[in-house]
Amino acid sequence: QYFNDFRQIVETKYTKTRDAKAYAQDLFISYKHLNNICKTVANQTAKRFIDNYIILEIKRKLAVTSLSISEICYECGFDEPTNFVKYFKKHLSSTPIEFREQFTRRD
């Protein structure tokens, strides 16, 4: 049940925080307990789950909308486009623009 609650909170609050400890506080459990639950259910840490969810949302927006990179950046809760691009590149080894170009070439 905790994992389902965590997943729902991530879906509603991912634009406000990427801090797994904040999600644990929302569930009234420790960060360590949340991590153990995530590792058992999803085979990944709470932070990795949050990051994967955010990256999935960013990829979806890049693929199916015509929003600019800056617009997607702010919609996803990032303060600066440069931080957004670094975050994206860290997780996918490409920039949001490169991802969008690759996606549109497939069509």
PDB file of N, CA and C in Angstrom:
ATOM      1  N   GLN A   1       0.828  -1.205   0.000  1.00  0.00           N
ATOM      2  CA  GLN A   1       0.000   0.000   0.000  1.00  0.00           C
ATOM      3  C   GLN A   1       0.872   1.269   0.000  1.00  0.00           C
ATOM      4  N   TYR A   2       1.939   1.237   0.777  1.00  0.00           N
ATOM      5  CA  TYR A   2       2.830   2.401   0.804  1.00  0.00           C
ATOM      6  C   TYR A   2       3.360   2.725  -0.586  1.00  0.00           C
ATOM      7  N   PHE A   3       3.714   1.680  -1.347  1.00  0.00           N
ATOM      8  CA  PHE A   3       4.266   1.940  -2.674  1.00  0.00           C
ATOM      9  C   PHE A   3       3.229   2.592  -3.578  1.00  0.00           C
ATOM     10  N   ASN A   4       1.997   2.113  -3.537  1.00  0.00           N
ATOM     11  CA  ASN A   4       0.940   2.720  -4.356  1.00  0.00           C
ATOM     12  C   ASN A   4       0.708   4.174  -3.961  1.00  0.00           C
ATOM     13  N   ASP A   5       0.721   4.441  -2.661  1.00  0.00           N
ATOM     14  CA  ASP A   5       0.572   5.818  -2.194  1.00  0.00           C
ATOM     15  C   ASP A   5       1.744   6.677  -2.658  1.00  0.00           C
ATOM     16  N   PHE A   6       2.944   6.123  -2.566  1.00  0.00           N
ATOM     17  CA  PHE A   6       4.145   6.828  -3.030  1.00  0.00           C
ATOM     18  C   PHE A   6       4.030   7.161  -4.507  1.00  0.00           C
ATOM     19  N   ARG A   7       3.647   6.180  -5.306  1.00  0.00           N
ATOM     20  CA  ARG A   7       3.504   6.387  -6.750  1.00  0.00           C
ATOM     21  C   ARG A   7       2.505   7.502  -7.048  1.00  0.00           C
ATOM     22  N   GLN A   8       1.396   7.505  -6.356  1.00  0.00           N
ATOM     23  CA  GLN A   8       0.382   8.547  -6.569  1.00  0.00           C
ATOM     24  C   GLN A   8       0.893   9.926  -6.165  1.00  0.00           C
ATOM     25  N   ILE A   9       1.635   9.981  -5.065  1.00  0.00           N
ATOM     26  CA  ILE A   9       2.183  11.269  -4.635  1.00  0.00           C
ATOM     27  C   ILE A   9       3.210  11.771  -5.650  1.00  0.00           C
ATOM     28  N   VAL A  10       4.040  10.874  -6.177  1.00  0.00           N
ATOM     29  CA  VAL A  10       5.018  11.269  -7.191  1.00  0.00           C
ATOM     30  C   VAL A  10       4.298  11.851  -8.407  1.00  0.00           C
ATOM     31  N   GLU A  11       3.220  11.207  -8.827  1.00  0.00           N
ATOM     32  CA  GLU A  11       2.475  11.686  -9.989  1.00  0.00           C
ATOM     33  C   GLU A  11       1.917  13.089  -9.787  1.00  0.00           C
ATOM     34  N   THR A  12       1.551  13.422  -8.558  1.00  0.00           N
ATOM     35  CA  THR A  12       0.953  14.739  -8.306  1.00  0.00           C
ATOM     36  C   THR A  12       1.970  15.794  -7.891  1.00  0.00           C
ATOM     37  N   LYS A  13       3.107  15.372  -7.319  1.00  0.00           N
ATOM     38  CA  LYS A  13       4.050  16.352  -6.773  1.00  0.00           C
ATOM     39  C   LYS A  13       5.395  16.418  -7.488  1.00  0.00           C
ATOM     40  N   TYR A  14       5.577  15.672  -8.582  1.00  0.00           N
ATOM     41  CA  TYR A  14       6.899  15.636  -9.211  1.00  0.00           C
ATOM     42  C   TYR A  14       7.362  17.006  -9.698  1.00  0.00           C
ATOM     43  N   THR A  15       6.427  17.906  -9.952  1.00  0.00           N
ATOM     44  CA  THR A  15       6.815  19.244 -10.409  1.00  0.00           C
ATOM     45  C   THR A  15       7.260  20.126  -9.246  1.00  0.00           C
ATOM     46  N   LYS A  16       6.991  19.691  -8.034  1.00  0.00           N
ATOM     47  CA  LYS A  16       7.337  20.488  -6.854  1.00  0.00           C
ATOM     48  C   LYS A  16       8.631  20.032  -6.183  1.00  0.00           C
ATOM     49  N   THR A  17       8.902  18.731  -6.210  1.00  0.00           N
ATOM     50  CA  THR A  17      10.119  18.232  -5.568  1.00  0.00           C
ATOM     51  C   THR A  17      10.578  16.923  -6.194  1.00  0.00           C
ATOM     52  N   ARG A  18      11.905  16.762  -6.218  1.00  0.00           N
ATOM     53  CA  ARG A  18      12.516  15.506  -6.653  1.00  0.00           C
ATOM     54  C   ARG A  18      13.222  14.840  -5.473  1.00  0.00           C
ATOM     55  N   ASP A  19      12.947  15.310  -4.266  1.00  0.00           N
ATOM     56  CA  ASP A  19      13.595  14.839  -3.051  1.00  0.00           C
ATOM     57  C   ASP A  19      12.825  13.660  -2.447  1.00  0.00           C
ATOM     58  N   ALA A  20      13.440  12.494  -2.459  1.00  0.00           N
ATOM     59  CA  ALA A  20      12.783  11.288  -1.941  1.00  0.00           C
ATOM     60  C   ALA A  20      12.454  11.419  -0.458  1.00  0.00           C
ATOM     61  N   LYS A  21      13.262  12.150   0.282  1.00  0.00           N
ATOM     62  CA  LYS A  21      12.996  12.333   1.714  1.00  0.00           C
ATOM     63  C   LYS A  21      11.681  13.082   1.939  1.00  0.00           C
ATOM     64  N   ALA A  22      11.368  14.021   1.072  1.00  0.00           N
ATOM     65  CA  ALA A  22      10.106  14.763   1.188  1.00  0.00           C
ATOM     66  C   ALA A  22       8.918  13.837   0.955  1.00  0.00           C
ATOM     67  N   TYR A  23       9.050  12.907   0.023  1.00  0.00           N
ATOM     68  CA  TYR A  23       7.976  11.950  -0.230  1.00  0.00           C
ATOM     69  C   TYR A  23       7.803  11.009   0.957  1.00  0.00           C
ATOM     70  N   ALA A  24       8.898  10.610   1.565  1.00  0.00           N
ATOM     71  CA  ALA A  24       8.823   9.751   2.753  1.00  0.00           C
ATOM     72  C   ALA A  24       8.083  10.484   3.872  1.00  0.00           C
ATOM     73  N   GLN A  25       8.382  11.764   4.052  1.00  0.00           N
ATOM     74  CA  GLN A  25       7.693  12.554   5.072  1.00  0.00           C
ATOM     75  C   GLN A  25       6.199  12.626   4.787  1.00  0.00           C
ATOM     76  N   ASP A  26       5.838  12.778   3.516  1.00  0.00           N
ATOM     77  CA  ASP A  26       4.414  12.811   3.148  1.00  0.00           C
ATOM     78  C   ASP A  26       3.711  11.506   3.522  1.00  0.00           C
ATOM     79  N   LEU A  27       4.448  10.409   3.503  1.00  0.00           N
ATOM     80  CA  LEU A  27       3.883   9.099   3.838  1.00  0.00           C
ATOM     81  C   LEU A  27       4.022   8.765   5.322  1.00  0.00           C
ATOM     82  N   PHE A  28       4.667   9.654   6.071  1.00  0.00           N
ATOM     83  CA  PHE A  28       4.907   9.453   7.504  1.00  0.00           C
ATOM     84  C   PHE A  28       5.729   8.204   7.782  1.00  0.00           C
ATOM     85  N   ILE A  29       6.710   7.969   6.913  1.00  0.00           N
ATOM     86  CA  ILE A  29       7.661   6.876   7.111  1.00  0.00           C
ATOM     87  C   ILE A  29       9.065   7.422   6.904  1.00  0.00           C
ATOM     88  N   SER A  30      10.065   6.644   7.303  1.00  0.00           N
ATOM     89  CA  SER A  30      11.445   7.093   7.130  1.00  0.00           C
ATOM     90  C   SER A  30      11.872   6.926   5.673  1.00  0.00           C
ATOM     91  N   TYR A  31      12.882   7.685   5.315  1.00  0.00           N
ATOM     92  CA  TYR A  31      13.461   7.581   3.970  1.00  0.00           C
ATOM     93  C   TYR A  31      13.978   6.160   3.731  1.00  0.00           C
ATOM     94  N   LYS A  32      14.608   5.587   4.739  1.00  0.00           N
ATOM     95  CA  LYS A  32      15.146   4.231   4.633  1.00  0.00           C
ATOM     96  C   LYS A  32      14.022   3.222   4.393  1.00  0.00           C
ATOM     97  N   HIS A  33      12.918   3.384   5.112  1.00  0.00           N
ATOM     98  CA  HIS A  33      11.783   2.469   4.931  1.00  0.00           C
ATOM     99  C   HIS A  33      11.190   2.612   3.518  1.00  0.00           C
ATOM    100  N   LEU A  34      11.067   3.833   3.044  1.00  0.00           N
ATOM    101  CA  LEU A  34      10.563   4.060   1.679  1.00  0.00           C
ATOM    102  C   LEU A  34      11.492   3.410   0.662  1.00  0.00           C
ATOM    103  N   ASN A  35      12.787   3.560   0.851  1.00  0.00           N
ATOM    104  CA  ASN A  35      13.749   2.940  -0.065  1.00  0.00           C
ATOM    105  C   ASN A  35      13.611   1.426  -0.058  1.00  0.00           C
ATOM    106  N   ASN A  36      13.467   0.843   1.122  1.00  0.00           N
ATOM    107  CA  ASN A  36      13.302  -0.610   1.213  1.00  0.00           C
ATOM    108  C   ASN A  36      12.041  -1.078   0.493  1.00  0.00           C
ATOM    109  N   ILE A  37      10.957  -0.331   0.641  1.00  0.00           N
ATOM    110  CA  ILE A  37       9.706  -0.666  -0.045  1.00  0.00           C
ATOM    111  C   ILE A  37       9.900  -0.598  -1.555  1.00  0.00           C
ATOM    112  N   CYS A  38      10.523   0.472  -2.019  1.00  0.00           N
ATOM    113  CA  CYS A  38      10.738   0.647  -3.463  1.00  0.00           C
ATOM    114  C   CYS A  38      11.644  -0.448  -4.030  1.00  0.00           C
ATOM    115  N   LYS A  39      12.685  -0.794  -3.284  1.00  0.00           N
ATOM    116  CA  LYS A  39      13.588  -1.849  -3.750  1.00  0.00           C
ATOM    117  C   LYS A  39      12.866  -3.184  -3.839  1.00  0.00           C
ATOM    118  N   THR A  40      11.984  -3.449  -2.897  1.00  0.00           N
ATOM    119  CA  THR A  40      11.232  -4.707  -2.892  1.00  0.00           C
ATOM    120  C   THR A  40      10.207  -4.751  -4.024  1.00  0.00           C
ATOM    121  N   VAL A  41       9.459  -3.664  -4.188  1.00  0.00           N
ATOM    122  CA  VAL A  41       8.357  -3.659  -5.162  1.00  0.00           C
ATOM    123  C   VAL A  41       8.835  -3.347  -6.579  1.00  0.00           C
ATOM    124  N   ALA A  42       9.691  -2.328  -6.720  1.00  0.00           N
ATOM    125  CA  ALA A  42      10.063  -1.856  -8.054  1.00  0.00           C
ATOM    126  C   ALA A  42      11.510  -2.158  -8.425  1.00  0.00           C
ATOM    127  N   ASN A  43      12.240  -2.786  -7.515  1.00  0.00           N
ATOM    128  CA  ASN A  43      13.636  -3.124  -7.756  1.00  0.00           C
ATOM    129  C   ASN A  43      14.506  -1.899  -8.077  1.00  0.00           C
ATOM    130  N   GLN A  44      14.179  -0.786  -7.441  1.00  0.00           N
ATOM    131  CA  GLN A  44      14.959   0.438  -7.592  1.00  0.00           C
ATOM    132  C   GLN A  44      14.748   1.319  -6.365  1.00  0.00           C
ATOM    133  N   THR A  45      15.666   2.241  -6.142  1.00  0.00           N
ATOM    134  CA  THR A  45      15.530   3.146  -5.006  1.00  0.00           C
ATOM    135  C   THR A  45      14.384   4.125  -5.236  1.00  0.00           C
ATOM    136  N   ALA A  46      13.970   4.776  -4.173  1.00  0.00           N
ATOM    137  CA  ALA A  46      12.911   5.791  -4.295  1.00  0.00           C
ATOM    138  C   ALA A  46      13.365   6.921  -5.212  1.00  0.00           C
ATOM    139  N   LYS A  47      14.601   7.354  -5.061  1.00  0.00           N
ATOM    140  CA  LYS A  47      15.127   8.443  -5.899  1.00  0.00           C
ATOM    141  C   LYS A  47      15.147   8.028  -7.362  1.00  0.00           C
ATOM    142  N   ARG A  48      15.556   6.813  -7.635  1.00  0.00           N
ATOM    143  CA  ARG A  48      15.589   6.331  -9.017  1.00  0.00           C
ATOM    144  C   ARG A  48      14.176   6.270  -9.590  1.00  0.00           C
ATOM    145  N   PHE A  49      13.213   5.834  -8.779  1.00  0.00           N
ATOM    146  CA  PHE A  49      11.818   5.791  -9.222  1.00  0.00           C
ATOM    147  C   PHE A  49      11.331   7.195  -9.589  1.00  0.00           C
ATOM    148  N   ILE A  50      11.625   8.163  -8.733  1.00  0.00           N
ATOM    149  CA  ILE A  50      11.220   9.560  -8.985  1.00  0.00           C
ATOM    150  C   ILE A  50      11.870  10.065 -10.265  1.00  0.00           C
ATOM    151  N   ASP A  51      13.172   9.862 -10.392  1.00  0.00           N
ATOM    152  CA  ASP A  51      13.883  10.324 -11.590  1.00  0.00           C
ATOM    153  C   ASP A  51      13.334   9.668 -12.853  1.00  0.00           C
ATOM    154  N   ASN A  52      13.088   8.371 -12.796  1.00  0.00           N
ATOM    155  CA  ASN A  52      12.541   7.675 -13.967  1.00  0.00           C
ATOM    156  C   ASN A  52      11.163   8.217 -14.342  1.00  0.00           C
ATOM    157  N   TYR A  53      10.342   8.511 -13.339  1.00  0.00           N
ATOM    158  CA  TYR A  53       9.021   9.057 -13.617  1.00  0.00           C
ATOM    159  C   TYR A  53       9.140  10.430 -14.281  1.00  0.00           C
ATOM    160  N   ILE A  54      10.014  11.275 -13.747  1.00  0.00           N
ATOM    161  CA  ILE A  54      10.193  12.624 -14.301  1.00  0.00           C
ATOM    162  C   ILE A  54      10.723  12.543 -15.725  1.00  0.00           C
ATOM    163  N   ILE A  55      11.712  11.698 -15.955  1.00  0.00           N
ATOM    164  CA  ILE A  55      12.264  11.548 -17.305  1.00  0.00           C
ATOM    165  C   ILE A  55      11.183  11.050 -18.269  1.00  0.00           C
ATOM    166  N   LEU A  56      10.359  10.125 -17.832  1.00  0.00           N
ATOM    167  CA  LEU A  56       9.269   9.636 -18.671  1.00  0.00           C
ATOM    168  C   LEU A  56       8.306  10.766 -19.040  1.00  0.00           C
ATOM    169  N   GLU A  57       7.966  11.599 -18.069  1.00  0.00           N
ATOM    170  CA  GLU A  57       7.074  12.736 -18.328  1.00  0.00           C
ATOM    171  C   GLU A  57       7.722  13.733 -19.296  1.00  0.00           C
ATOM    172  N   ILE A  58       8.995  13.993 -19.114  1.00  0.00           N
ATOM    173  CA  ILE A  58       9.700  14.912 -20.010  1.00  0.00           C
ATOM    174  C   ILE A  58       9.714  14.342 -21.425  1.00  0.00           C
ATOM    175  N   LYS A  59      10.049  13.064 -21.559  1.00  0.00           N
ATOM    176  CA  LYS A  59      10.082  12.426 -22.873  1.00  0.00           C
ATOM    177  C   LYS A  59       8.710  12.478 -23.536  1.00  0.00           C
ATOM    178  N   ARG A  60       7.676  12.245 -22.749  1.00  0.00           N
ATOM    179  CA  ARG A  60       6.311  12.297 -23.294  1.00  0.00           C
ATOM    180  C   ARG A  60       6.010  13.698 -23.833  1.00  0.00           C
ATOM    181  N   LYS A  61       6.349  14.717 -23.048  1.00  0.00           N
ATOM    182  CA  LYS A  61       6.094  16.093 -23.472  1.00  0.00           C
ATOM    183  C   LYS A  61       6.909  16.458 -24.712  1.00  0.00           C
ATOM    184  N   LEU A  62       8.152  15.983 -24.769  1.00  0.00           N
ATOM    185  CA  LEU A  62       8.986  16.254 -25.942  1.00  0.00           C
ATOM    186  C   LEU A  62       8.439  15.567 -27.186  1.00  0.00           C
ATOM    187  N   ALA A  63       7.876  14.378 -26.992  1.00  0.00           N
ATOM    188  CA  ALA A  63       7.407  13.581 -28.122  1.00  0.00           C
ATOM    189  C   ALA A  63       6.044  14.010 -28.648  1.00  0.00           C
ATOM    190  N   VAL A  64       5.139  14.405 -27.753  1.00  0.00           N
ATOM    191  CA  VAL A  64       3.758  14.615 -28.203  1.00  0.00           C
ATOM    192  C   VAL A  64       3.270  16.061 -28.142  1.00  0.00           C
ATOM    193  N   THR A  65       4.130  16.971 -27.698  1.00  0.00           N
ATOM    194  CA  THR A  65       3.706  18.367 -27.681  1.00  0.00           C
ATOM    195  C   THR A  65       4.675  19.203 -28.507  1.00  0.00           C
ATOM    196  N   SER A  66       4.265  20.392 -28.813  1.00  0.00           N
ATOM    197  CA  SER A  66       5.155  21.316 -29.517  1.00  0.00           C
ATOM    198  C   SER A  66       5.692  22.385 -28.558  1.00  0.00           C
ATOM    199  N   LEU A  67       5.582  22.116 -27.255  1.00  0.00           N
ATOM    200  CA  LEU A  67       6.092  23.057 -26.271  1.00  0.00           C
ATOM    201  C   LEU A  67       7.601  23.223 -26.447  1.00  0.00           C
ATOM    202  N   SER A  68       8.087  24.421 -26.167  1.00  0.00           N
ATOM    203  CA  SER A  68       9.529  24.654 -26.233  1.00  0.00           C
ATOM    204  C   SER A  68      10.212  23.943 -25.064  1.00  0.00           C
ATOM    205  N   ILE A  69      11.520  23.813 -25.162  1.00  0.00           N
ATOM    206  CA  ILE A  69      12.294  23.195 -24.090  1.00  0.00           C
ATOM    207  C   ILE A  69      12.101  23.990 -22.795  1.00  0.00           C
ATOM    208  N   SER A  70      12.106  25.304 -22.894  1.00  0.00           N
ATOM    209  CA  SER A  70      11.914  26.150 -21.704  1.00  0.00           C
ATOM    210  C   SER A  70      10.542  25.939 -21.081  1.00  0.00           C
ATOM    211  N   GLU A  71       9.522  25.836 -21.912  1.00  0.00           N
ATOM    212  CA  GLU A  71       8.171  25.616 -21.388  1.00  0.00           C
ATOM    213  C   GLU A  71       8.077  24.268 -20.662  1.00  0.00           C
ATOM    214  N   ILE A  72       8.671  23.243 -21.242  1.00  0.00           N
ATOM    215  CA  ILE A  72       8.667  21.931 -20.604  1.00  0.00           C
ATOM    216  C   ILE A  72       9.459  21.987 -19.302  1.00  0.00           C
ATOM    217  N   CYS A  73      10.571  22.686 -19.334  1.00  0.00           N
ATOM    218  CA  CYS A  73      11.405  22.865 -18.146  1.00  0.00           C
ATOM    219  C   CYS A  73      10.579  23.395 -16.983  1.00  0.00           C
ATOM    220  N   TYR A  74       9.877  24.493 -17.208  1.00  0.00           N
ATOM    221  CA  TYR A  74       9.103  25.107 -16.126  1.00  0.00           C
ATOM    222  C   TYR A  74       7.886  24.269 -15.743  1.00  0.00           C
ATOM    223  N   GLU A  75       7.252  23.623 -16.719  1.00  0.00           N
ATOM    224  CA  GLU A  75       6.111  22.754 -16.411  1.00  0.00           C
ATOM    225  C   GLU A  75       6.518  21.577 -15.519  1.00  0.00           C
ATOM    226  N   CYS A  76       7.748  21.138 -15.667  1.00  0.00           N
ATOM    227  CA  CYS A  76       8.230  19.989 -14.885  1.00  0.00           C
ATOM    228  C   CYS A  76       8.896  20.410 -13.574  1.00  0.00           C
ATOM    229  N   GLY A  77       8.839  21.687 -13.257  1.00  0.00           N
ATOM    230  CA  GLY A  77       9.296  22.146 -11.954  1.00  0.00           C
ATOM    231  C   GLY A  77      10.751  22.542 -11.844  1.00  0.00           C
ATOM    232  N   PHE A  78      11.420  22.704 -12.949  1.00  0.00           N
ATOM    233  CA  PHE A  78      12.816  23.141 -12.916  1.00  0.00           C
ATOM    234  C   PHE A  78      12.866  24.663 -12.918  1.00  0.00           C
ATOM    235  N   ASP A  79      13.855  25.208 -12.203  1.00  0.00           N
ATOM    236  CA  ASP A  79      13.998  26.661 -12.104  1.00  0.00           C
ATOM    237  C   ASP A  79      14.704  27.267 -13.306  1.00  0.00           C
ATOM    238  N   GLU A  80      15.610  26.523 -13.889  1.00  0.00           N
ATOM    239  CA  GLU A  80      16.453  27.018 -14.976  1.00  0.00           C
ATOM    240  C   GLU A  80      16.520  26.005 -16.112  1.00  0.00           C
ATOM    241  N   PRO A  81      16.423  26.456 -17.352  1.00  0.00           N
ATOM    242  CA  PRO A  81      16.589  25.529 -18.473  1.00  0.00           C
ATOM    243  C   PRO A  81      17.938  24.810 -18.466  1.00  0.00           C
ATOM    244  N   THR A  82      19.000  25.484 -18.001  1.00  0.00           N
ATOM    245  CA  THR A  82      20.309  24.816 -17.982  1.00  0.00           C
ATOM    246  C   THR A  82      20.301  23.622 -17.021  1.00  0.00           C
ATOM    247  N   ASN A  83      19.657  23.771 -15.859  1.00  0.00           N
ATOM    248  CA  ASN A  83      19.550  22.651 -14.915  1.00  0.00           C
ATOM    249  C   ASN A  83      18.713  21.523 -15.507  1.00  0.00           C
ATOM    250  N   PHE A  84      17.662  21.885 -16.199  1.00  0.00           N
ATOM    251  CA  PHE A  84      16.783  20.921 -16.855  1.00  0.00           C
ATOM    252  C   PHE A  84      17.563  20.097 -17.883  1.00  0.00           C
ATOM    253  N   VAL A  85      18.330  20.782 -18.712  1.00  0.00           N
ATOM    254  CA  VAL A  85      19.111  20.101 -19.755  1.00  0.00           C
ATOM    255  C   VAL A  85      20.157  19.186 -19.121  1.00  0.00           C
ATOM    256  N   LYS A  86      20.830  19.652 -18.073  1.00  0.00           N
ATOM    257  CA  LYS A  86      21.829  18.817 -17.372  1.00  0.00           C
ATOM    258  C   LYS A  86      21.177  17.571 -16.780  1.00  0.00           C
ATOM    259  N   TYR A  87      20.020  17.753 -16.146  1.00  0.00           N
ATOM    260  CA  TYR A  87      19.291  16.633 -15.545  1.00  0.00           C
ATOM    261  C   TYR A  87      18.921  15.612 -16.620  1.00  0.00           C
ATOM    262  N   PHE A  88      18.373  16.079 -17.723  1.00  0.00           N
ATOM    263  CA  PHE A  88      17.957  15.206 -18.811  1.00  0.00           C
ATOM    264  C   PHE A  88      19.162  14.462 -19.379  1.00  0.00           C
ATOM    265  N   LYS A  89      20.223  15.200 -19.643  1.00  0.00           N
ATOM    266  CA  LYS A  89      21.423  14.607 -20.243  1.00  0.00           C
ATOM    267  C   LYS A  89      22.072  13.582 -19.307  1.00  0.00           C
ATOM    268  N   LYS A  90      22.034  13.848 -18.010  1.00  0.00           N
ATOM    269  CA  LYS A  90      22.591  12.912 -17.025  1.00  0.00           C
ATOM    270  C   LYS A  90      21.883  11.566 -17.098  1.00  0.00           C
ATOM    271  N   HIS A  91      20.583  11.592 -17.329  1.00  0.00           N
ATOM    272  CA  HIS A  91      19.792  10.364 -17.320  1.00  0.00           C
ATOM    273  C   HIS A  91      19.696   9.686 -18.682  1.00  0.00           C
ATOM    274  N   LEU A  92      19.845  10.444 -19.765  1.00  0.00           N
ATOM    275  CA  LEU A  92      19.666   9.845 -21.092  1.00  0.00           C
ATOM    276  C   LEU A  92      20.857   9.992 -22.024  1.00  0.00           C
ATOM    277  N   SER A  93      21.879  10.695 -21.622  1.00  0.00           N
ATOM    278  CA  SER A  93      23.075  10.912 -22.453  1.00  0.00           C
ATOM    279  C   SER A  93      22.777  11.644 -23.756  1.00  0.00           C
ATOM    280  N   SER A  94      21.678  12.361 -23.785  1.00  0.00           N
ATOM    281  CA  SER A  94      21.392  13.247 -24.919  1.00  0.00           C
ATOM    282  C   SER A  94      20.634  14.450 -24.373  1.00  0.00           C
ATOM    283  N   THR A  95      20.626  15.514 -25.143  1.00  0.00           N
ATOM    284  CA  THR A  95      19.897  16.705 -24.718  1.00  0.00           C
ATOM    285  C   THR A  95      18.425  16.547 -25.089  1.00  0.00           C
ATOM    286  N   PRO A  96      17.563  17.353 -24.494  1.00  0.00           N
ATOM    287  CA  PRO A  96      16.147  17.295 -24.891  1.00  0.00           C
ATOM    288  C   PRO A  96      15.945  17.567 -26.385  1.00  0.00           C
ATOM    289  N   ILE A  97      16.720  18.481 -26.935  1.00  0.00           N
ATOM    290  CA  ILE A  97      16.597  18.785 -28.363  1.00  0.00           C
ATOM    291  C   ILE A  97      16.995  17.576 -29.200  1.00  0.00           C
ATOM    292  N   GLU A  98      18.099  16.928 -28.832  1.00  0.00           N
ATOM    293  CA  GLU A  98      18.537  15.734 -29.559  1.00  0.00           C
ATOM    294  C   GLU A  98      17.486  14.633 -29.466  1.00  0.00           C
ATOM    295  N   PHE A  99      16.905  14.457 -28.269  1.00  0.00           N
ATOM    296  CA  PHE A  99      15.858  13.444 -28.104  1.00  0.00           C
ATOM    297  C   PHE A  99      14.674  13.744 -29.015  1.00  0.00           C
ATOM    298  N   ARG A 100      14.230  14.982 -29.009  1.00  0.00           N
ATOM    299  CA  ARG A 100      13.085  15.366 -29.832  1.00  0.00           C
ATOM    300  C   ARG A 100      13.388  15.138 -31.309  1.00  0.00           C
ATOM    301  N   GLU A 101      14.577  15.483 -31.744  1.00  0.00           N
ATOM    302  CA  GLU A 101      14.969  15.283 -33.156  1.00  0.00           C
ATOM    303  C   GLU A 101      14.973  13.813 -33.511  1.00  0.00           C
ATOM    304  N   GLN A 102      15.515  12.974 -32.622  1.00  0.00           N
ATOM    305  CA  GLN A 102      15.536  11.529 -32.877  1.00  0.00           C
ATOM    306  C   GLN A 102      14.114  10.976 -32.942  1.00  0.00           C
ATOM    307  N   PHE A 103      13.267  11.460 -32.059  1.00  0.00           N
ATOM    308  CA  PHE A 103      11.890  10.973 -32.023  1.00  0.00           C
ATOM    309  C   PHE A 103      11.134  11.375 -33.286  1.00  0.00           C
ATOM    310  N   THR A 104      11.320  12.601 -33.744  1.00  0.00           N
ATOM    311  CA  THR A 104      10.579  13.068 -34.921  1.00  0.00           C
ATOM    312  C   THR A 104      11.116  12.430 -36.205  1.00  0.00           C
ATOM    313  N   ARG A 105      12.370  12.005 -36.213  1.00  0.00           N
ATOM    314  CA  ARG A 105      12.921  11.330 -37.399  1.00  0.00           C
ATOM    315  C   ARG A 105      12.293   9.961 -37.600  1.00  0.00           C
ATOM    316  N   ARG A 106      11.828   9.320 -36.518  1.00  0.00           N
ATOM    317  CA  ARG A 106      11.230   7.989 -36.608  1.00  0.00           C
ATOM    318  C   ARG A 106       9.869   8.017 -37.284  1.00  0.00           C
ATOM    319  N   ASP A 107       9.209   9.155 -37.237  1.00  0.00           N
ATOM    320  CA  ASP A 107       7.841   9.225 -37.781  1.00  0.00           C
ATOM    321  C   ASP A 107       7.785   9.222 -39.253  1.00  0.00           C
TER     322      ASP A 107
END
